[in-house]
Amino acid sequence: MLITHDTRCALDTVVDLVNTAPEDEAAPEGLPDVPALAEFVRNHEISDVGVVSSADLSDVRAVRARFAAIFAAPDSRSAAGLINELVAAASTTPRLTDHDGYDWHVHYYAPGSSVADHLAADCGMALAFFVVAGEEERLRRCEAPDCRRAFVDLSRNRSRRYCDSRTCGNRLHVAAYRARRKEATG
């Protein structure tokens, strides 16, 4: 599957956005306030966003929950329905642009859109491309028992199981190795 630069950026953004949600009541909120949202916008180089407000924060958290539902969708039909609702609510307006030194690419949000609509349109379309390509199973959650972070499996053979092989993957492999050694020596 060919993934363009802007689609890859949108995928990274949606994954990072979903992963700001607290995993349970004890976990901290990843977007606790307006300055955190402004930093998220800046770090992900989300263009055409003015000053963010508390209303934007609330709207972005609602969009985040809708994206999380897409990652949890049991099949492509369910994912497609959720994406269609999300993108339709954002009033998409596709247009070609070549800003900030990037070659021609498509923005799906309408000029002057809120940050939530911007995320819903651009990130929603990036996820839609995966459904169209029959690749929605690449939208995953980490299989580590104590981690449910979202990620997009871009491995060639669709075999990635953990959000980060250096942390979750290694930790589980080391634990399994130690358990086997303990059993062998025990």
Protein backbone atom coordinates (compact mmCIF):
# COMPACT_ATOMS: atom_id res chain seq x y z
CA MET A 1 0.00 0.00 0.00
CA LEU A 2 1.41 3.36 -1.04
CA ILE A 3 1.29 5.86 1.81
CA THR A 4 1.96 9.47 0.90
CA HIS A 5 3.74 11.88 3.23
CA ASP A 6 0.57 13.71 4.24
CA THR A 7 -1.28 10.43 4.88
CA ARG A 8 1.61 9.22 7.04
CA CYS A 9 1.56 12.47 9.00
CA ALA A 10 -2.20 12.14 9.51
CA LEU A 11 -1.78 8.53 10.67
CA ASP A 12 0.92 9.53 13.15
CA THR A 13 -1.31 12.34 14.39
CA VAL A 14 -4.39 10.16 14.86
CA VAL A 15 -2.37 7.49 16.69
CA ASP A 16 -0.80 10.08 18.97
CA LEU A 17 -4.22 11.67 19.56
CA VAL A 18 -5.87 8.35 20.46
CA ASN A 19 -2.96 7.60 22.79
CA THR A 20 -3.55 10.82 24.76
CA ALA A 21 -6.74 9.28 26.19
CA PRO A 22 -6.40 7.91 29.71
CA GLU A 23 -6.44 4.10 29.72
CA ASP A 24 -8.45 4.07 32.96
CA GLU A 25 -9.66 6.40 35.71
CA ALA A 26 -6.26 6.35 37.44
CA ALA A 27 -4.27 7.25 34.32
CA PRO A 28 -3.49 10.89 33.55
CA GLU A 29 -5.26 12.77 30.76
CA GLY A 30 -2.86 13.30 27.85
CA LEU A 31 -4.64 16.52 26.84
CA PRO A 32 -5.33 18.03 30.26
CA ASP A 33 -5.69 21.66 29.21
CA VAL A 34 -5.62 24.18 26.37
CA PRO A 35 -1.81 24.64 26.47
CA ALA A 36 -1.40 20.85 26.04
CA LEU A 37 -3.70 20.97 23.00
CA ALA A 38 -1.74 23.92 21.59
CA GLU A 39 1.48 21.94 22.06
CA PHE A 40 -0.09 18.90 20.35
CA VAL A 41 -1.07 21.10 17.38
CA ARG A 42 2.44 22.59 17.23
CA ASN A 43 4.27 19.25 17.60
CA HIS A 44 2.20 17.66 14.83
CA GLU A 45 2.57 20.71 12.56
CA ILE A 46 -1.18 20.96 12.08
CA SER A 47 -1.54 23.88 9.70
CA ASP A 48 -4.18 26.59 9.50
CA VAL A 49 -5.11 26.40 13.17
CA GLY A 50 -5.52 29.65 15.04
CA VAL A 51 -5.55 30.10 18.78
CA VAL A 52 -7.10 27.08 20.47
CA SER A 53 -9.73 27.43 23.19
CA SER A 54 -11.40 25.34 25.87
CA ALA A 55 -14.21 24.62 23.39
CA ASP A 56 -11.57 23.25 20.98
CA LEU A 57 -10.20 21.05 23.75
CA SER A 58 -13.62 19.59 24.45
CA ASP A 59 -14.29 19.04 20.73
CA VAL A 60 -10.89 17.40 20.15
CA ARG A 61 -11.47 15.02 23.07
CA ALA A 62 -14.83 14.05 21.51
CA VAL A 63 -13.17 13.44 18.13
CA ARG A 64 -10.46 11.43 19.91
CA ALA A 65 -13.13 9.12 21.35
CA ARG A 66 -14.56 8.61 17.87
CA PHE A 67 -11.12 7.72 16.52
CA ALA A 68 -10.64 5.26 19.38
CA ALA A 69 -13.90 3.59 18.36
CA ILE A 70 -12.52 3.16 14.83
CA PHE A 71 -9.44 1.38 16.20
CA ALA A 72 -11.79 -0.89 18.18
CA ALA A 73 -14.14 -1.60 15.26
CA PRO A 74 -14.65 -5.36 14.80
CA ASP A 75 -14.77 -5.27 10.99
CA SER A 76 -14.39 -3.04 7.94
CA ARG A 77 -18.12 -2.29 7.65
CA SER A 78 -18.20 -1.00 11.22
CA ALA A 79 -15.00 1.00 10.72
CA ALA A 80 -16.36 2.47 7.47
CA GLY A 81 -19.57 3.56 9.16
CA LEU A 82 -17.68 5.26 11.97
CA ILE A 83 -15.30 6.98 9.54
CA ASN A 84 -18.18 8.14 7.34
CA GLU A 85 -19.95 9.70 10.34
CA LEU A 86 -16.77 11.38 11.54
CA VAL A 87 -15.78 12.80 8.16
CA ALA A 88 -19.33 13.92 7.30
CA ALA A 89 -19.62 15.81 10.58
CA ALA A 90 -16.40 17.66 9.75
CA SER A 91 -17.84 19.09 6.50
CA THR A 92 -14.86 18.11 4.38
CA THR A 93 -13.72 20.30 1.54
CA PRO A 94 -10.87 18.58 -0.37
CA ARG A 95 -8.33 20.94 -1.88
CA LEU A 96 -4.81 20.72 -3.26
CA THR A 97 -2.09 22.64 -1.47
CA ASP A 98 1.72 22.87 -1.47
CA HIS A 99 2.53 24.84 1.68
CA ASP A 100 5.54 24.93 3.99
CA GLY A 101 7.94 23.34 1.52
CA TYR A 102 5.85 20.20 1.00
CA ASP A 103 4.95 19.07 -2.49
CA TRP A 104 1.33 18.94 -3.66
CA HIS A 105 -1.00 17.13 -1.30
CA VAL A 106 -4.67 17.17 -0.36
CA HIS A 107 -6.19 18.79 2.70
CA TYR A 108 -9.71 17.61 3.44
CA TYR A 109 -10.78 20.20 6.01
CA ALA A 110 -12.51 23.41 5.02
CA PRO A 111 -10.47 26.61 5.36
CA GLY A 112 -11.12 28.17 8.75
CA SER A 113 -12.22 24.86 10.31
CA SER A 114 -11.82 24.21 13.99
CA VAL A 115 -8.92 22.02 15.06
CA ALA A 116 -11.38 19.18 15.81
CA ASP A 117 -12.89 19.35 12.31
CA HIS A 118 -9.41 19.60 10.84
CA LEU A 119 -8.35 16.41 12.66
CA ALA A 120 -11.61 14.62 11.87
CA ALA A 121 -11.35 15.39 8.15
CA ASP A 122 -7.64 14.80 7.48
CA CYS A 123 -7.11 11.92 9.90
CA GLY A 124 -10.48 10.40 9.08
CA MET A 125 -9.58 10.32 5.39
CA ALA A 126 -6.20 8.73 6.17
CA LEU A 127 -8.04 5.95 8.01
CA ALA A 128 -10.55 5.71 5.15
CA PHE A 129 -7.69 4.92 2.75
CA PHE A 130 -6.88 1.87 4.89
CA VAL A 131 -10.46 0.62 4.72
CA VAL A 132 -10.59 1.19 0.95
CA ALA A 133 -7.35 -0.79 0.55
CA GLY A 134 -8.71 -3.62 2.72
CA GLU A 135 -6.03 -2.91 5.31
CA GLU A 136 -8.13 -1.86 8.31
CA GLU A 137 -6.67 -4.74 10.34
CA ARG A 138 -3.48 -2.68 10.42
CA LEU A 139 -5.21 -0.28 12.83
CA ARG A 140 -4.34 -2.02 16.07
CA ARG A 141 -3.96 -1.86 19.81
CA CYS A 142 -0.84 -3.09 21.59
CA GLU A 143 -1.12 -6.73 22.68
CA ALA A 144 0.93 -6.24 25.84
CA PRO A 145 -1.40 -7.05 28.76
CA ASP A 146 -0.72 -3.75 30.53
CA CYS A 147 -0.77 -1.56 27.41
CA ARG A 148 -3.57 -0.72 25.00
CA ARG A 149 -1.86 2.02 22.99
CA ALA A 150 -3.01 2.42 19.39
CA PHE A 151 -0.66 2.01 16.45
CA VAL A 152 -0.74 1.43 12.71
CA ASP A 153 1.03 -1.76 11.65
CA LEU A 154 3.04 -0.78 8.58
CA SER A 155 5.18 -3.92 8.62
CA ARG A 156 5.39 -5.78 5.34
CA ASN A 157 3.78 -8.97 6.65
CA ARG A 158 1.27 -7.34 9.03
CA SER A 159 2.90 -9.02 12.03
CA ARG A 160 3.49 -6.16 14.45
CA ARG A 161 1.90 -6.89 17.83
CA TYR A 162 3.22 -4.17 20.11
CA CYS A 163 3.08 -0.38 20.06
CA ASP A 164 6.84 -0.28 20.49
CA SER A 165 9.04 -3.33 20.12
CA ARG A 166 11.75 -1.74 22.27
CA THR A 167 9.51 -1.31 25.28
CA CYS A 168 6.42 -3.50 25.29
CA GLY A 169 7.83 -6.16 22.97
CA ASN A 170 11.19 -6.52 24.70
CA ARG A 171 9.64 -6.42 28.15
CA LEU A 172 7.29 -9.31 27.32
CA HIS A 173 10.00 -11.32 25.57
CA VAL A 174 12.33 -10.92 28.56
CA ALA A 175 9.53 -11.93 30.95
CA ALA A 176 8.76 -15.02 28.85
CA TYR A 177 12.46 -15.92 28.69
CA ARG A 178 12.82 -15.59 32.47
CA ALA A 179 9.70 -17.70 33.01
CA ARG A 180 11.08 -20.43 30.73
CA ARG A 181 14.47 -20.37 32.51
CA LYS A 182 12.80 -20.50 35.90
CA GLU A 183 10.67 -23.46 34.80
CA ALA A 184 13.71 -25.25 33.33
CA THR A 185 15.77 -24.77 36.49
CA GLY A 186 12.92 -25.11 38.94
